[in-house]
C-alpha atoms as a PDB file:
ATOM      1  CA  UNK A   1       6.367  -2.266  12.437  1.00  0.00           C
ATOM      2  CA  UNK A   2       9.593  -0.862  10.546  1.00  0.00           C
ATOM      3  CA  UNK A   3      10.906   2.702  11.139  1.00  0.00           C
ATOM      4  CA  UNK A   4      13.381   5.149   9.627  1.00  0.00           C
ATOM      5  CA  UNK A   5      14.079   8.019  12.053  1.00  0.00           C
ATOM      6  CA  UNK A   6      14.380  11.357  10.509  1.00  0.00           C
ATOM      7  CA  UNK A   7      17.798  12.899  10.056  1.00  0.00           C
ATOM      8  CA  UNK A   8      16.186  16.298  10.415  1.00  0.00           C
ATOM      9  CA  UNK A   9      12.694  17.471  11.037  1.00  0.00           C
ATOM     10  CA  UNK A  10       9.962  15.516  12.574  1.00  0.00           C
ATOM     11  CA  UNK A  11       6.803  15.308  10.447  1.00  0.00           C
ATOM     12  CA  UNK A  12       5.360  11.868  10.963  1.00  0.00           C
ATOM     13  CA  UNK A  13       4.644   9.481   8.151  1.00  0.00           C
ATOM     14  CA  UNK A  14       3.013   6.051   8.168  1.00  0.00           C
ATOM     15  CA  UNK A  15       3.100   3.507   5.229  1.00  0.00           C
ATOM     16  CA  UNK A  16       0.620   0.648   4.809  1.00  0.00           C
ATOM     17  CA  UNK A  17       1.485  -2.374   2.559  1.00  0.00           C
ATOM     18  CA  UNK A  18      -0.462  -4.448   0.101  1.00  0.00           C
ATOM     19  CA  UNK A  19      -1.886  -7.802   0.113  1.00  0.00           C
ATOM     20  CA  UNK A  20       0.664 -10.520   0.884  1.00  0.00           C
ATOM     21  CA  UNK A  21       3.276  -7.719   1.663  1.00  0.00           C
ATOM     22  CA  UNK A  22       4.763  -6.351   4.904  1.00  0.00           C
ATOM     23  CA  UNK A  23       6.401  -3.156   6.260  1.00  0.00           C
ATOM     24  CA  UNK A  24       9.649  -4.204   4.594  1.00  0.00           C
ATOM     25  CA  UNK A  25       7.944  -3.114   1.139  1.00  0.00           C
ATOM     26  CA  UNK A  26       8.654   0.430   2.024  1.00  0.00           C
ATOM     27  CA  UNK A  27      12.358   0.206   3.268  1.00  0.00           C
ATOM     28  CA  UNK A  28      14.047   1.928   0.245  1.00  0.00           C
ATOM     29  CA  UNK A  29      11.455   4.682  -0.003  1.00  0.00           C
ATOM     30  CA  UNK A  30      11.519   5.535   3.755  1.00  0.00           C
ATOM     31  CA  UNK A  31      15.258   5.773   3.631  1.00  0.00           C
ATOM     32  CA  UNK A  32      14.988   8.427   1.054  1.00  0.00           C
ATOM     33  CA  UNK A  33      12.228  10.353   2.785  1.00  0.00           C
ATOM     34  CA  UNK A  34      13.853  10.350   6.278  1.00  0.00           C
ATOM     35  CA  UNK A  35      16.616  12.705   4.825  1.00  0.00           C
ATOM     36  CA  UNK A  36      16.285  16.184   3.275  1.00  0.00           C
ATOM     37  CA  UNK A  37      16.611  15.974  -0.684  1.00  0.00           C
ATOM     38  CA  UNK A  38      20.037  16.808  -1.935  1.00  0.00           C
ATOM     39  CA  UNK A  39      20.574  20.486  -2.258  1.00  0.00           C
ATOM     40  CA  UNK A  40      17.548  21.379  -0.180  1.00  0.00           C
ATOM     41  CA  UNK A  41      18.889  20.980   3.511  1.00  0.00           C
ATOM     42  CA  UNK A  42      16.095  23.159   4.862  1.00  0.00           C
ATOM     43  CA  UNK A  43      13.227  21.005   3.691  1.00  0.00           C
ATOM     44  CA  UNK A  44      11.812  18.938   6.502  1.00  0.00           C
ATOM     45  CA  UNK A  45      12.568  15.253   6.601  1.00  0.00           C
ATOM     46  CA  UNK A  46      10.028  12.521   7.670  1.00  0.00           C
ATOM     47  CA  UNK A  47       9.974  10.372  10.829  1.00  0.00           C
ATOM     48  CA  UNK A  48       8.836   7.269   8.919  1.00  0.00           C
ATOM     49  CA  UNK A  49       7.187   4.085  10.093  1.00  0.00           C
ATOM     50  CA  UNK A  50       5.778   1.272   8.131  1.00  0.00           C
ATOM     51  CA  UNK A  51       3.017  -0.925   9.729  1.00  0.00           C
ATOM     52  CA  UNK A  52       2.430  -4.701   9.357  1.00  0.00           C
ATOM     53  CA  UNK A  53      -1.308  -5.000   9.005  1.00  0.00           C
ATOM     54  CA  UNK A  54      -2.995  -7.551  11.425  1.00  0.00           C
ATOM     55  CA  UNK A  55      -1.783 -11.076  10.563  1.00  0.00           C
ATOM     56  CA  UNK A  56       0.922  -9.854   8.054  1.00  0.00           C
ATOM     57  CA  UNK A  57       4.650  -9.498   8.614  1.00  0.00           C
ATOM     58  CA  UNK A  58       5.354  -9.615  12.310  1.00  0.00           C
ATOM     59  CA  UNK A  59       1.894  -8.629  13.565  1.00  0.00           C
ATOM     60  CA  UNK A  60      -0.245 -11.136  15.345  1.00  0.00           C
ATOM     61  CA  UNK A  61      -3.633 -12.156  14.076  1.00  0.00           C
ATOM     62  CA  UNK A  62      -6.458 -10.027  15.383  1.00  0.00           C
ATOM     63  CA  UNK A  63      -8.512 -11.610  18.176  1.00  0.00           C
ATOM     64  CA  UNK A  64     -11.670 -10.649  16.293  1.00  0.00           C
ATOM     65  CA  UNK A  65     -10.702 -12.695  13.118  1.00  0.00           C
ATOM     66  CA  UNK A  66     -11.877  -9.688  11.143  1.00  0.00           C
ATOM     67  CA  UNK A  67      -9.865  -8.786   7.991  1.00  0.00           C
ATOM     68  CA  UNK A  68     -12.247  -6.444   6.404  1.00  0.00           C
ATOM     69  CA  UNK A  69     -11.216  -3.108   5.046  1.00  0.00           C
ATOM     70  CA  UNK A  70     -13.019  -1.389   7.859  1.00  0.00           C
ATOM     71  CA  UNK A  71     -11.205  -3.567  10.521  1.00  0.00           C
ATOM     72  CA  UNK A  72      -7.833  -2.712   8.930  1.00  0.00           C
ATOM     73  CA  UNK A  73      -8.595   0.862   8.609  1.00  0.00           C
ATOM     74  CA  UNK A  74      -9.604   0.988  12.337  1.00  0.00           C
ATOM     75  CA  UNK A  75      -6.321  -0.773  13.265  1.00  0.00           C
ATOM     76  CA  UNK A  76      -4.154   1.717  11.494  1.00  0.00           C
ATOM     77  CA  UNK A  77      -6.154   4.633  13.006  1.00  0.00           C
ATOM     78  CA  UNK A  78      -5.657   3.068  16.424  1.00  0.00           C
ATOM     79  CA  UNK A  79      -1.983   2.760  15.898  1.00  0.00           C
ATOM     80  CA  UNK A  80      -1.695   6.354  14.890  1.00  0.00           C
ATOM     81  CA  UNK A  81      -3.580   7.441  18.092  1.00  0.00           C
ATOM     82  CA  UNK A  82      -1.497   5.207  20.356  1.00  0.00           C
ATOM     83  CA  UNK A  83       1.774   6.705  18.842  1.00  0.00           C
ATOM     84  CA  UNK A  84       0.458  10.138  20.056  1.00  0.00           C
ATOM     85  CA  UNK A  85       1.287  12.127  16.908  1.00  0.00           C
ATOM     86  CA  UNK A  86      -0.979  13.170  14.220  1.00  0.00           C
ATOM     87  CA  UNK A  87      -1.894  14.275  11.624  1.00  0.00           C
ATOM     88  CA  UNK A  88       0.424  11.883   9.646  1.00  0.00           C
ATOM     89  CA  UNK A  89       1.551  11.730   6.015  1.00  0.00           C
ATOM     90  CA  UNK A  90      -0.346   8.429   5.171  1.00  0.00           C
ATOM     91  CA  UNK A  91       0.733   6.269   2.261  1.00  0.00           C
ATOM     92  CA  UNK A  92      -0.562   2.914   1.038  1.00  0.00           C
ATOM     93  CA  UNK A  93      -0.114   0.459  -1.661  1.00  0.00           C
ATOM     94  CA  UNK A  94      -2.777  -1.719  -3.258  1.00  0.00           C
ATOM     95  CA  UNK A  95      -4.774  -3.166  -0.489  1.00  0.00           C
ATOM     96  CA  UNK A  96      -3.018  -0.650   1.869  1.00  0.00           C
ATOM     97  CA  UNK A  97      -4.265   2.094  -0.414  1.00  0.00           C
ATOM     98  CA  UNK A  98      -7.853   0.916   0.019  1.00  0.00           C
ATOM     99  CA  UNK A  99      -7.309   0.894   3.706  1.00  0.00           C
ATOM    100  CA  UNK A 100      -5.807   4.395   3.713  1.00  0.00           C
ATOM    101  CA  UNK A 101      -8.760   5.845   1.530  1.00  0.00           C
ATOM    102  CA  UNK A 102     -11.226   4.619   4.155  1.00  0.00           C
ATOM    103  CA  UNK A 103      -9.227   5.943   6.970  1.00  0.00           C
ATOM    104  CA  UNK A 104      -8.725   9.379   5.409  1.00  0.00           C
ATOM    105  CA  UNK A 105     -12.389   9.571   4.455  1.00  0.00           C
ATOM    106  CA  UNK A 106     -13.700   8.731   7.982  1.00  0.00           C
ATOM    107  CA  UNK A 107     -10.848  10.088  10.183  1.00  0.00           C
ATOM    108  CA  UNK A 108      -9.703  13.241   8.369  1.00  0.00           C
ATOM    109  CA  UNK A 109      -8.172  14.501  11.685  1.00  0.00           C
ATOM    110  CA  UNK A 110      -5.525  11.755  11.571  1.00  0.00           C
ATOM    111  CA  UNK A 111      -4.298  12.482   7.944  1.00  0.00           C
ATOM    112  CA  UNK A 112      -2.163  15.408   6.881  1.00  0.00           C
ATOM    113  CA  UNK A 113      -1.554  14.161   3.286  1.00  0.00           C
ATOM    114  CA  UNK A 114      -2.496  10.915   1.430  1.00  0.00           C
ATOM    115  CA  UNK A 115      -0.417   9.110  -1.037  1.00  0.00           C
ATOM    116  CA  UNK A 116      -1.811   6.073  -2.844  1.00  0.00           C
ATOM    117  CA  UNK A 117       0.415   3.758  -4.989  1.00  0.00           C
ATOM    118  CA  UNK A 118      -1.762   1.471  -7.332  1.00  0.00           C
ATOM    119  CA  UNK A 119      -4.612   1.652  -4.836  1.00  0.00           C
ATOM    120  CA  UNK A 120      -6.968  -1.330  -4.915  1.00  0.00           C
ATOM    121  CA  UNK A 121     -10.200   0.520  -5.569  1.00  0.00           C
ATOM    122  CA  UNK A 122     -13.116  -1.312  -7.153  1.00  0.00           C
ATOM    123  CA  UNK A 123     -12.780  -2.031 -10.799  1.00  0.00           C
ATOM    124  CA  UNK A 124     -14.958  -4.784 -12.221  1.00  0.00           C
ATOM    125  CA  UNK A 125     -13.350  -4.949 -15.621  1.00  0.00           C
ATOM    126  CA  UNK A 126     -11.814  -8.549 -15.966  1.00  0.00           C
ATOM    127  CA  UNK A 127      -7.932  -8.829 -15.793  1.00  0.00           C
ATOM    128  CA  UNK A 128      -6.092 -12.153 -15.371  1.00  0.00           C
ATOM    129  CA  UNK A 129      -4.355 -11.522 -12.114  1.00  0.00           C
ATOM    130  CA  UNK A 130      -7.335  -9.920 -10.319  1.00  0.00           C
ATOM    131  CA  UNK A 131      -9.529 -12.752 -11.527  1.00  0.00           C
ATOM    132  CA  UNK A 132      -7.017 -15.201 -10.030  1.00  0.00           C
ATOM    133  CA  UNK A 133      -7.361 -13.577  -6.673  1.00  0.00           C
ATOM    134  CA  UNK A 134     -11.177 -13.746  -6.894  1.00  0.00           C
ATOM    135  CA  UNK A 135     -10.828 -17.433  -7.691  1.00  0.00           C
ATOM    136  CA  UNK A 136      -8.824 -18.027  -4.587  1.00  0.00           C
ATOM    137  CA  UNK A 137     -11.609 -16.609  -2.526  1.00  0.00           C
ATOM    138  CA  UNK A 138     -14.001 -19.441  -3.476  1.00  0.00           C
ATOM    139  CA  UNK A 139     -14.939 -21.601  -0.469  1.00  0.00           C
ATOM    140  CA  UNK A 140     -12.656 -24.675  -0.218  1.00  0.00           C
ATOM    141  CA  UNK A 141     -10.681 -24.020  -3.305  1.00  0.00           C
ATOM    142  CA  UNK A 142      -8.485 -21.270  -1.943  1.00  0.00           C
ATOM    143  CA  UNK A 143      -7.149 -23.130   1.184  1.00  0.00           C
ATOM    144  CA  UNK A 144      -6.543 -26.269  -0.905  1.00  0.00           C
ATOM    145  CA  UNK A 145      -4.616 -24.414  -3.710  1.00  0.00           C
ATOM    146  CA  UNK A 146      -2.556 -22.323  -1.295  1.00  0.00           C
ATOM    147  CA  UNK A 147      -1.604 -25.477   0.646  1.00  0.00           C
ATOM    148  CA  UNK A 148      -0.735 -27.349  -2.421  1.00  0.00           C
ATOM    149  CA  UNK A 149       1.517 -24.549  -3.791  1.00  0.00           C
ATOM    150  CA  UNK A 150       3.140 -24.093  -0.451  1.00  0.00           C
ATOM    151  CA  UNK A 151       4.036 -27.786  -0.333  1.00  0.00           C
ATOM    152  CA  UNK A 152       5.222 -28.220  -4.041  1.00  0.00           C
ATOM    153  CA  UNK A 153       6.629 -24.819  -4.999  1.00  0.00           C
ATOM    154  CA  UNK A 154       9.698 -23.684  -3.081  1.00  0.00           C
ATOM    155  CA  UNK A 155       9.939 -20.268  -1.626  1.00  0.00           C
ATOM    156  CA  UNK A 156      12.509 -19.155  -4.165  1.00  0.00           C
ATOM    157  CA  UNK A 157      10.166 -19.977  -7.085  1.00  0.00           C
ATOM    158  CA  UNK A 158       7.158 -18.298  -5.386  1.00  0.00           C
ATOM    159  CA  UNK A 159       9.186 -15.156  -4.766  1.00  0.00           C
ATOM    160  CA  UNK A 160      10.142 -15.053  -8.424  1.00  0.00           C
ATOM    161  CA  UNK A 161       6.598 -15.413  -9.612  1.00  0.00           C
ATOM    162  CA  UNK A 162       5.420 -12.745  -7.173  1.00  0.00           C
ATOM    163  CA  UNK A 163       8.155 -10.258  -8.436  1.00  0.00           C
ATOM    164  CA  UNK A 164       7.232 -11.038 -12.078  1.00  0.00           C
ATOM    165  CA  UNK A 165       3.602 -10.197 -11.284  1.00  0.00           C
ATOM    166  CA  UNK A 166       4.208  -6.830  -9.546  1.00  0.00           C
ATOM    167  CA  UNK A 167       7.312  -5.473 -11.228  1.00  0.00           C
ATOM    168  CA  UNK A 168       7.390  -4.047 -14.893  1.00  0.00           C
ATOM    169  CA  UNK A 169      11.075  -5.160 -15.054  1.00  0.00           C
ATOM    170  CA  UNK A 170      11.850  -8.025 -12.603  1.00  0.00           C
ATOM    171  CA  UNK A 171      15.513  -7.690 -13.411  1.00  0.00           C
ATOM    172  CA  UNK A 172      15.735  -4.485 -11.372  1.00  0.00           C
ATOM    173  CA  UNK A 173      15.272  -6.294  -8.251  1.00  0.00           C
ATOM    174  CA  UNK A 174      18.268  -6.089  -6.044  1.00  0.00           C
ATOM    175  CA  UNK A 175      19.662  -9.497  -5.011  1.00  0.00           C
ATOM    176  CA  UNK A 176      19.384  -8.435  -1.311  1.00  0.00           C
ATOM    177  CA  UNK A 177      15.788  -7.552  -1.680  1.00  0.00           C
ATOM    178  CA  UNK A 178      15.133 -10.938  -3.458  1.00  0.00           C
ATOM    179  CA  UNK A 179      16.936 -12.784  -0.661  1.00  0.00           C
ATOM    180  CA  UNK A 180      14.683 -10.924   1.975  1.00  0.00           C
ATOM    181  CA  UNK A 181      11.553 -11.846   0.125  1.00  0.00           C
ATOM    182  CA  UNK A 182      12.603 -15.454   0.042  1.00  0.00           C
ATOM    183  CA  UNK A 183      13.393 -15.431   3.790  1.00  0.00           C
ATOM    184  CA  UNK A 184      10.037 -13.810   4.594  1.00  0.00           C
ATOM    185  CA  UNK A 185       8.080 -16.462   2.582  1.00  0.00           C
ATOM    186  CA  UNK A 186      10.110 -19.175   4.367  1.00  0.00           C
ATOM    187  CA  UNK A 187       9.277 -17.683   7.738  1.00  0.00           C
ATOM    188  CA  UNK A 188       5.600 -17.243   7.041  1.00  0.00           C
ATOM    189  CA  UNK A 189       5.374 -20.843   5.818  1.00  0.00           C
ATOM    190  CA  UNK A 190       6.112 -21.966   9.336  1.00  0.00           C
ATOM    191  CA  UNK A 191       3.544 -19.843  11.081  1.00  0.00           C
ATOM    192  CA  UNK A 192       0.540 -22.071  10.384  1.00  0.00           C
ATOM    193  CA  UNK A 193      -1.878 -19.136   9.823  1.00  0.00           C
ATOM    194  CA  UNK A 194      -0.467 -17.243   6.842  1.00  0.00           C
ATOM    195  CA  UNK A 195      -2.620 -18.721   4.230  1.00  0.00           C
ATOM    196  CA  UNK A 196      -5.771 -18.142   6.335  1.00  0.00           C
ATOM    197  CA  UNK A 197      -4.843 -14.460   6.836  1.00  0.00           C
ATOM    198  CA  UNK A 198      -4.117 -14.090   3.115  1.00  0.00           C
ATOM    199  CA  UNK A 199      -7.482 -15.485   1.966  1.00  0.00           C
ATOM    200  CA  UNK A 200      -9.545 -13.579   4.721  1.00  0.00           C
ATOM    201  CA  UNK A 201      -7.893 -10.261   3.540  1.00  0.00           C
ATOM    202  CA  UNK A 202      -8.490 -11.149   0.010  1.00  0.00           C
ATOM    203  CA  UNK A 203     -12.150 -11.817   0.741  1.00  0.00           C
ATOM    204  CA  UNK A 204     -12.399  -8.512   2.552  1.00  0.00           C
ATOM    205  CA  UNK A 205     -11.025  -6.679  -0.511  1.00  0.00           C
ATOM    206  CA  UNK A 206     -13.166  -8.512  -2.970  1.00  0.00           C
ATOM    207  CA  UNK A 207     -16.285  -7.671  -0.787  1.00  0.00           C
ATOM    208  CA  UNK A 208     -15.377  -3.948  -1.284  1.00  0.00           C
ATOM    209  CA  UNK A 209     -15.317  -4.378  -5.076  1.00  0.00           C
ATOM    210  CA  UNK A 210     -18.961  -5.337  -5.073  1.00  0.00           C
ATOM    211  CA  UNK A 211     -20.139  -2.777  -2.461  1.00  0.00           C
ATOM    212  CA  UNK A 212     -22.330   0.120  -3.734  1.00  0.00           C
ATOM    213  CA  UNK A 213     -23.608   3.237  -2.295  1.00  0.00           C
ATOM    214  CA  UNK A 214     -22.338   5.699   0.446  1.00  0.00           C
ATOM    215  CA  UNK A 215     -20.060   3.016   2.094  1.00  0.00           C
ATOM    216  CA  UNK A 216     -18.143   2.189  -1.117  1.00  0.00           C
ATOM    217  CA  UNK A 217     -14.516   2.920  -1.451  1.00  0.00           C
ATOM    218  CA  UNK A 218     -15.079   5.306  -4.502  1.00  0.00           C
ATOM    219  CA  UNK A 219     -17.615   7.183  -2.428  1.00  0.00           C
ATOM    220  CA  UNK A 220     -15.046   7.434   0.300  1.00  0.00           C
ATOM    221  CA  UNK A 221     -12.451   8.732  -2.263  1.00  0.00           C
ATOM    222  CA  UNK A 222     -14.752  11.662  -3.017  1.00  0.00           C
ATOM    223  CA  UNK A 223     -14.920  12.503   0.763  1.00  0.00           C
ATOM    224  CA  UNK A 224     -11.176  12.723   1.291  1.00  0.00           C
ATOM    225  CA  UNK A 225     -10.239  16.220   2.248  1.00  0.00           C
ATOM    226  CA  UNK A 226      -6.403  15.744   2.667  1.00  0.00           C
ATOM    227  CA  UNK A 227      -4.170  16.757  -0.196  1.00  0.00           C
ATOM    228  CA  UNK A 228      -3.811  13.540  -2.170  1.00  0.00           C
ATOM    229  CA  UNK A 229      -1.268  12.055  -4.709  1.00  0.00           C
ATOM    230  CA  UNK A 230      -2.368   9.005  -6.538  1.00  0.00           C
ATOM    231  CA  UNK A 231       0.355   6.981  -8.513  1.00  0.00           C
ATOM    232  CA  UNK A 232      -0.304   4.406 -11.141  1.00  0.00           C
ATOM    233  CA  UNK A 233       2.181   2.254 -13.045  1.00  0.00           C
ATOM    234  CA  UNK A 234       1.937   2.103 -16.848  1.00  0.00           C
ATOM    235  CA  UNK A 235       2.713  -1.584 -16.737  1.00  0.00           C
ATOM    236  CA  UNK A 236       0.638  -2.585 -13.647  1.00  0.00           C
ATOM    237  CA  UNK A 237      -0.820  -6.022 -14.240  1.00  0.00           C
ATOM    238  CA  UNK A 238      -3.072  -5.842 -11.148  1.00  0.00           C
ATOM    239  CA  UNK A 239      -4.542  -2.260 -11.166  1.00  0.00           C
ATOM    240  CA  UNK A 240      -5.402  -0.911 -14.511  1.00  0.00           C
ATOM    241  CA  UNK A 241      -3.572   2.410 -15.167  1.00  0.00           C
ATOM    242  CA  UNK A 242      -6.599   3.566 -16.967  1.00  0.00           C
ATOM    243  CA  UNK A 243      -8.173   3.855 -13.513  1.00  0.00           C
ATOM    244  CA  UNK A 244      -6.137   7.031 -13.154  1.00  0.00           C
ATOM    245  CA  UNK A 245      -8.913   8.837 -15.018  1.00  0.00           C
ATOM    246  CA  UNK A 246     -11.579   7.892 -12.605  1.00  0.00           C
ATOM    247  CA  UNK A 247      -9.243   8.691  -9.586  1.00  0.00           C
ATOM    248  CA  UNK A 248      -8.647  12.120 -11.072  1.00  0.00           C
ATOM    249  CA  UNK A 249     -12.459  12.704 -11.028  1.00  0.00           C
ATOM    250  CA  UNK A 250     -12.993  11.354  -7.598  1.00  0.00           C
ATOM    251  CA  UNK A 251     -10.202  12.763  -5.252  1.00  0.00           C
ATOM    252  CA  UNK A 252     -10.949  16.380  -4.796  1.00  0.00           C
ATOM    253  CA  UNK A 253      -7.969  18.444  -5.357  1.00  0.00           C
ATOM    254  CA  UNK A 254      -5.935  15.437  -5.828  1.00  0.00           C
ATOM    255  CA  UNK A 255      -2.945  14.967  -8.249  1.00  0.00           C
ATOM    256  CA  UNK A 256      -2.771  11.680 -10.248  1.00  0.00           C
ATOM    257  CA  UNK A 257       0.294  10.537 -12.150  1.00  0.00           C
ATOM    258  CA  UNK A 258       1.082   7.521 -14.264  1.00  0.00           C
ATOM    259  CA  UNK A 259       4.778   6.531 -14.059  1.00  0.00           C
ATOM    260  CA  UNK A 260       6.195   5.008 -17.299  1.00  0.00           C
ATOM    261  CA  UNK A 261       7.767   1.486 -17.240  1.00  0.00           C
ATOM    262  CA  UNK A 262       6.482   0.778 -13.695  1.00  0.00           C
ATOM    263  CA  UNK A 263       4.439  -1.964 -12.272  1.00  0.00           C
ATOM    264  CA  UNK A 264       2.243  -2.549  -9.212  1.00  0.00           C
ATOM    265  CA  UNK A 265       4.771  -1.584  -6.492  1.00  0.00           C
ATOM    266  CA  UNK A 266       6.304   1.758  -7.592  1.00  0.00           C
ATOM    267  CA  UNK A 267       7.656   2.448  -4.197  1.00  0.00           C
ATOM    268  CA  UNK A 268       9.891  -0.707  -4.551  1.00  0.00           C
ATOM    269  CA  UNK A 269      10.690  -0.412  -8.226  1.00  0.00           C
ATOM    270  CA  UNK A 270      11.124   3.334  -8.531  1.00  0.00           C
ATOM    271  CA  UNK A 271      11.659   4.702  -5.060  1.00  0.00           C
ATOM    272  CA  UNK A 272      13.507   7.857  -6.135  1.00  0.00           C
ATOM    273  CA  UNK A 273      10.880   8.973  -8.389  1.00  0.00           C
ATOM    274  CA  UNK A 274       8.135   8.172  -5.856  1.00  0.00           C
ATOM    275  CA  UNK A 275      10.033  10.242  -3.241  1.00  0.00           C
ATOM    276  CA  UNK A 276      10.156  13.123  -5.704  1.00  0.00           C
ATOM    277  CA  UNK A 277       6.475  13.066  -6.246  1.00  0.00           C
ATOM    278  CA  UNK A 278       5.648  12.788  -2.590  1.00  0.00           C
ATOM    279  CA  UNK A 279       7.878  15.708  -1.768  1.00  0.00           C
ATOM    280  CA  UNK A 280       5.851  17.811  -4.077  1.00  0.00           C
ATOM    281  CA  UNK A 281       2.720  16.828  -2.416  1.00  0.00           C
ATOM    282  CA  UNK A 282       4.153  17.808   1.046  1.00  0.00           C
ATOM    283  CA  UNK A 283       5.305  21.115  -0.276  1.00  0.00           C
ATOM    284  CA  UNK A 284       1.837  21.813  -1.707  1.00  0.00           C
ATOM    285  CA  UNK A 285       0.378  20.895   1.708  1.00  0.00           C
ATOM    286  CA  UNK A 286       2.857  23.220   3.508  1.00  0.00           C
ATOM    287  CA  UNK A 287       2.605  26.185   1.199  1.00  0.00           C
ATOM    288  CA  UNK A 288      -0.695  25.779  -0.833  1.00  0.00           C
ATOM    289  CA  UNK A 289      -0.750  29.344  -2.124  1.00  0.00           C
ATOM    290  CA  UNK A 290       2.736  29.144  -3.553  1.00  0.00           C
ATOM    291  CA  UNK A 291       2.035  25.786  -5.025  1.00  0.00           C
ATOM    292  CA  UNK A 292      -1.025  27.102  -6.614  1.00  0.00           C
ATOM    293  CA  UNK A 293       0.799  29.926  -8.125  1.00  0.00           C
END
């Protein structure tokens, strides 16, 4: 768990990372949202917290061994209830976006607004990087490949590859953030369970991609009642920006934007722009009549 206490105001917000990520993915965005925007001192700030999903970051592995979207959504919901404050402004990226959609659909009482950044919602159109993820889920092959990569490819190289996959412009990554990513990969290499967690969570996500009917993620999207913002990146190599059209049809009353020159992790690559979009969402939730006018 990573927190950014509000400089003023106390509206709670919770952020959920993507596959292979951690709470640190939200550091820069939370730092912006915890303070009123420049020139608008009366606008409420947020009391921000980012969660490490079970088995990721510094969270322990779940006793159940369940890494399904249902289990992760339940874990996030339980955390919100244990914290004792809700509804929250809920935000999720990629896998975390799928988790947040399920939670918002099934526990609307916990969610004040919903922000999704490149949410990993079902899309069966083939793309190279998602196909690579599916291949990793093959029994026997995934563990062997991850073990081999971990042994032969240094953390510095793996961090560079990951950044190249999720940023539109890897050159924008600050050296401090790159160093933090390398340190986190090195730390998780020594845990002994990181590969198992990654594969299990990937399988849980792939299972959602082939789910149909009333328990599917797109069906959940249509059930979300909270004011919703969905952000896609024009240069996302993992989630097709063309999915914005389906999202616009699925989320009732939601607003969908596609950010230019942006990859899969807009909150890390374009935190200022994401903060601006999110503040507009919060304002529409506080003053719906004014926003509509």
